[in-house]
N, C-alpha and C. Protein backbone atom coordinates (compact mmCIF):
# COMPACT_ATOMS: atom_id res chain seq x y z
N MET A 1 -11.20 -20.33 33.82
CA MET A 1 -12.58 -21.35 33.62
C MET A 1 -13.87 -20.64 33.29
N ARG A 2 -14.34 -21.02 32.23
CA ARG A 2 -15.93 -20.81 31.98
C ARG A 2 -17.00 -21.16 32.66
N ARG A 3 -17.89 -20.08 32.58
CA ARG A 3 -19.07 -21.47 33.87
C ARG A 3 -20.46 -21.70 33.03
N LEU A 4 -20.84 -22.74 33.28
CA LEU A 4 -21.68 -23.25 32.38
C LEU A 4 -22.73 -22.87 32.62
N ARG A 5 -23.91 -22.28 32.47
CA ARG A 5 -25.55 -22.28 33.24
C ARG A 5 -26.84 -23.17 32.30
N ILE A 6 -26.94 -23.44 33.04
CA ILE A 6 -28.03 -24.64 32.85
C ILE A 6 -29.06 -24.26 33.02
N ALA A 7 -30.40 -23.94 32.31
CA ALA A 7 -31.63 -23.69 32.50
C ALA A 7 -32.32 -25.13 32.88
N LEU A 8 -33.31 -25.24 33.75
CA LEU A 8 -34.32 -26.50 34.00
C LEU A 8 -35.55 -25.97 33.53
N CYS A 9 -36.35 -26.13 32.88
CA CYS A 9 -37.56 -25.39 32.20
C CYS A 9 -38.50 -26.42 32.49
N GLN A 10 -39.84 -26.11 32.67
CA GLN A 10 -41.33 -26.64 32.80
C GLN A 10 -42.16 -25.86 32.04
N VAL A 11 -42.58 -26.28 31.04
CA VAL A 11 -43.62 -26.11 30.22
C VAL A 11 -44.94 -26.42 30.44
N ASN A 12 -45.79 -25.71 29.99
CA ASN A 12 -47.42 -26.38 30.08
C ASN A 12 -48.23 -26.47 29.20
N THR A 13 -47.79 -28.06 29.10
CA THR A 13 -48.12 -28.67 27.77
C THR A 13 -49.08 -29.13 27.85
N THR A 14 -50.07 -29.27 26.45
CA THR A 14 -51.89 -29.89 26.06
C THR A 14 -51.04 -31.48 25.40
N VAL A 15 -51.97 -32.39 26.36
CA VAL A 15 -51.38 -33.66 25.77
C VAL A 15 -52.05 -33.77 24.89
N GLY A 16 -50.99 -34.34 23.61
CA GLY A 16 -51.39 -34.86 21.78
C GLY A 16 -51.41 -33.42 21.32
N ASP A 17 -51.15 -32.68 21.71
CA ASP A 17 -51.13 -31.17 20.49
C ASP A 17 -49.26 -30.96 20.35
N LEU A 18 -48.99 -31.97 19.74
CA LEU A 18 -47.27 -31.69 19.31
C LEU A 18 -47.28 -30.32 19.17
N GLU A 19 -47.45 -29.46 17.91
CA GLU A 19 -47.22 -28.16 17.49
C GLU A 19 -47.35 -27.41 18.27
N ALA A 20 -48.36 -27.50 19.06
CA ALA A 20 -48.29 -26.16 20.24
C ALA A 20 -47.19 -26.20 21.37
N ASN A 21 -47.04 -27.37 21.35
CA ASN A 21 -45.57 -27.91 22.91
C ASN A 21 -44.72 -28.13 22.14
N VAL A 22 -44.46 -28.00 20.88
CA VAL A 22 -43.21 -27.84 20.30
C VAL A 22 -43.11 -26.50 20.35
N ASP A 23 -44.17 -25.62 20.15
CA ASP A 23 -43.75 -24.54 19.72
C ASP A 23 -43.18 -23.37 21.54
N ARG A 24 -44.02 -23.86 22.77
CA ARG A 24 -43.87 -24.00 23.89
C ARG A 24 -42.27 -24.52 24.46
N VAL A 25 -41.99 -25.27 24.33
CA VAL A 25 -40.68 -25.93 24.17
C VAL A 25 -39.87 -24.91 23.51
N VAL A 26 -39.68 -24.40 22.54
CA VAL A 26 -38.81 -23.64 21.42
C VAL A 26 -38.93 -22.30 22.44
N ALA A 27 -40.06 -21.82 22.67
CA ALA A 27 -39.96 -20.30 23.38
C ALA A 27 -39.83 -20.70 24.21
N ALA A 28 -39.39 -21.27 25.54
CA ALA A 28 -38.81 -21.36 26.28
C ALA A 28 -37.28 -21.35 26.61
N GLN A 29 -36.82 -22.19 25.41
CA GLN A 29 -35.67 -22.44 25.15
C GLN A 29 -35.25 -21.31 24.15
N ARG A 30 -35.83 -20.32 23.97
CA ARG A 30 -34.84 -18.91 23.29
C ARG A 30 -34.87 -17.72 24.29
N GLU A 31 -35.88 -17.98 25.07
CA GLU A 31 -35.91 -17.41 26.67
C GLU A 31 -34.41 -17.72 27.37
N VAL A 32 -34.79 -18.71 27.89
CA VAL A 32 -33.34 -19.10 28.50
C VAL A 32 -31.67 -18.66 27.46
N SER A 33 -32.03 -18.91 26.10
CA SER A 33 -31.14 -18.76 25.87
C SER A 33 -30.40 -17.41 26.03
N ASP A 34 -31.71 -16.47 25.33
CA ASP A 34 -31.61 -14.84 25.56
C ASP A 34 -31.19 -14.52 26.80
N ALA A 35 -31.09 -15.01 28.27
CA ALA A 35 -31.06 -15.12 29.57
C ALA A 35 -29.40 -15.07 29.51
N GLY A 36 -29.00 -15.91 28.69
CA GLY A 36 -27.33 -16.60 29.23
C GLY A 36 -27.09 -17.88 29.55
N CYS A 37 -28.38 -18.65 29.27
CA CYS A 37 -27.91 -20.13 29.31
C CYS A 37 -27.33 -21.20 28.13
N ASP A 38 -26.52 -21.81 28.45
CA ASP A 38 -25.48 -22.54 27.61
C ASP A 38 -26.48 -24.08 27.19
N ILE A 39 -27.31 -24.67 28.42
CA ILE A 39 -28.16 -25.63 28.42
C ILE A 39 -29.78 -25.54 28.61
N ALA A 40 -30.59 -26.00 27.81
CA ALA A 40 -31.83 -26.15 28.12
C ALA A 40 -32.81 -27.25 28.46
N VAL A 41 -33.00 -27.46 29.93
CA VAL A 41 -33.28 -28.94 30.22
C VAL A 41 -34.80 -29.14 30.07
N PHE A 42 -35.18 -30.26 29.87
CA PHE A 42 -37.09 -30.10 30.14
C PHE A 42 -37.23 -31.67 30.42
N PRO A 43 -38.47 -31.20 30.83
CA PRO A 43 -38.56 -33.08 31.58
C PRO A 43 -39.08 -33.73 30.49
N GLU A 44 -39.47 -34.96 30.74
CA GLU A 44 -39.69 -36.62 29.43
C GLU A 44 -41.00 -36.03 29.19
N LEU A 45 -41.86 -36.10 28.08
CA LEU A 45 -42.93 -36.55 27.27
C LEU A 45 -42.89 -34.56 27.56
N SER A 46 -42.52 -33.65 27.20
CA SER A 46 -42.48 -32.35 27.61
C SER A 46 -43.26 -32.30 25.79
N LEU A 47 -43.24 -33.18 24.46
CA LEU A 47 -43.28 -32.64 23.57
C LEU A 47 -45.02 -33.10 23.34
N ALA A 48 -45.07 -34.74 23.78
CA ALA A 48 -46.34 -35.07 23.74
C ALA A 48 -47.09 -34.80 24.87
N GLY A 49 -46.62 -34.23 26.16
CA GLY A 49 -47.28 -34.05 26.90
C GLY A 49 -47.90 -35.01 28.10
N TYR A 50 -48.43 -35.03 29.34
CA TYR A 50 -48.63 -35.72 30.25
C TYR A 50 -49.91 -35.94 30.56
N PRO A 51 -50.35 -36.92 30.91
CA PRO A 51 -49.69 -38.59 30.61
C PRO A 51 -50.28 -38.94 29.45
N PRO A 52 -49.79 -39.39 28.22
CA PRO A 52 -50.10 -39.68 27.00
C PRO A 52 -50.85 -40.74 26.96
N GLU A 53 -51.29 -41.11 27.85
CA GLU A 53 -52.07 -42.30 27.79
C GLU A 53 -52.17 -43.33 26.49
N ASP A 54 -53.66 -43.61 26.16
CA ASP A 54 -53.92 -44.21 25.37
C ASP A 54 -52.92 -44.01 23.55
N LEU A 55 -52.43 -42.79 23.98
CA LEU A 55 -51.64 -41.56 22.40
C LEU A 55 -50.82 -42.61 22.07
N VAL A 56 -50.21 -42.71 22.62
CA VAL A 56 -48.43 -43.96 22.37
C VAL A 56 -49.56 -45.39 22.13
N LEU A 57 -50.32 -45.67 21.86
CA LEU A 57 -50.57 -47.10 21.27
C LEU A 57 -51.05 -46.72 19.73
N LYS A 58 -50.96 -45.47 19.33
CA LYS A 58 -51.58 -45.18 17.78
C LYS A 58 -50.17 -45.05 17.16
N PRO A 59 -49.79 -45.69 16.06
CA PRO A 59 -49.02 -45.64 15.67
C PRO A 59 -48.64 -44.30 14.60
N GLY A 60 -49.52 -43.62 14.31
CA GLY A 60 -49.41 -42.07 14.02
C GLY A 60 -48.91 -41.17 15.06
N PHE A 61 -49.05 -41.33 16.43
CA PHE A 61 -49.03 -40.43 17.35
C PHE A 61 -47.42 -40.43 17.60
N VAL A 62 -47.42 -41.43 17.60
CA VAL A 62 -45.52 -42.36 17.82
C VAL A 62 -44.73 -41.92 16.74
N GLU A 63 -44.97 -42.02 15.59
CA GLU A 63 -44.27 -41.27 14.36
C GLU A 63 -44.26 -40.19 14.61
N ALA A 64 -44.92 -39.20 14.63
CA ALA A 64 -45.32 -37.79 14.61
C ALA A 64 -44.15 -36.77 16.11
N ASN A 65 -44.37 -38.02 17.20
CA ASN A 65 -43.95 -37.35 18.27
C ASN A 65 -41.67 -37.10 17.62
N ARG A 66 -41.75 -38.39 16.84
CA ARG A 66 -40.26 -38.56 16.33
C ARG A 66 -40.11 -37.61 15.44
N ARG A 67 -40.75 -37.23 14.12
CA ARG A 67 -40.96 -36.16 13.58
C ARG A 67 -40.82 -34.70 14.33
N ALA A 68 -41.47 -34.86 15.60
CA ALA A 68 -41.34 -33.14 16.03
C ALA A 68 -40.43 -32.21 16.06
N PRO A 69 -39.37 -32.76 16.59
CA PRO A 69 -37.85 -31.78 16.90
C PRO A 69 -37.32 -32.07 15.77
N THR A 70 -37.62 -32.25 14.96
CA THR A 70 -36.80 -32.30 13.14
C THR A 70 -36.82 -30.48 13.01
N GLY A 71 -37.60 -29.81 13.87
CA GLY A 71 -37.70 -28.19 12.78
C GLY A 71 -37.14 -27.41 14.14
N TRP A 72 -35.79 -27.93 15.03
CA TRP A 72 -35.44 -26.90 15.83
C TRP A 72 -34.31 -26.56 15.05
């Protein structure tokens, strides 16, 4: 039976900086993939940053969050 390697990832996000946060998540995913992990798990709000507070009330920010992960 093959072992499944799972990485629990934590990245230092910046609230509201989707582009930089996506770059950090992708870099972490590549790092654990290169280390032989099969699955990388990230916390909720890894792309938006925490706490997003009033940003979630802005339609443009919500839509940008929906589009952000499509480049992976």
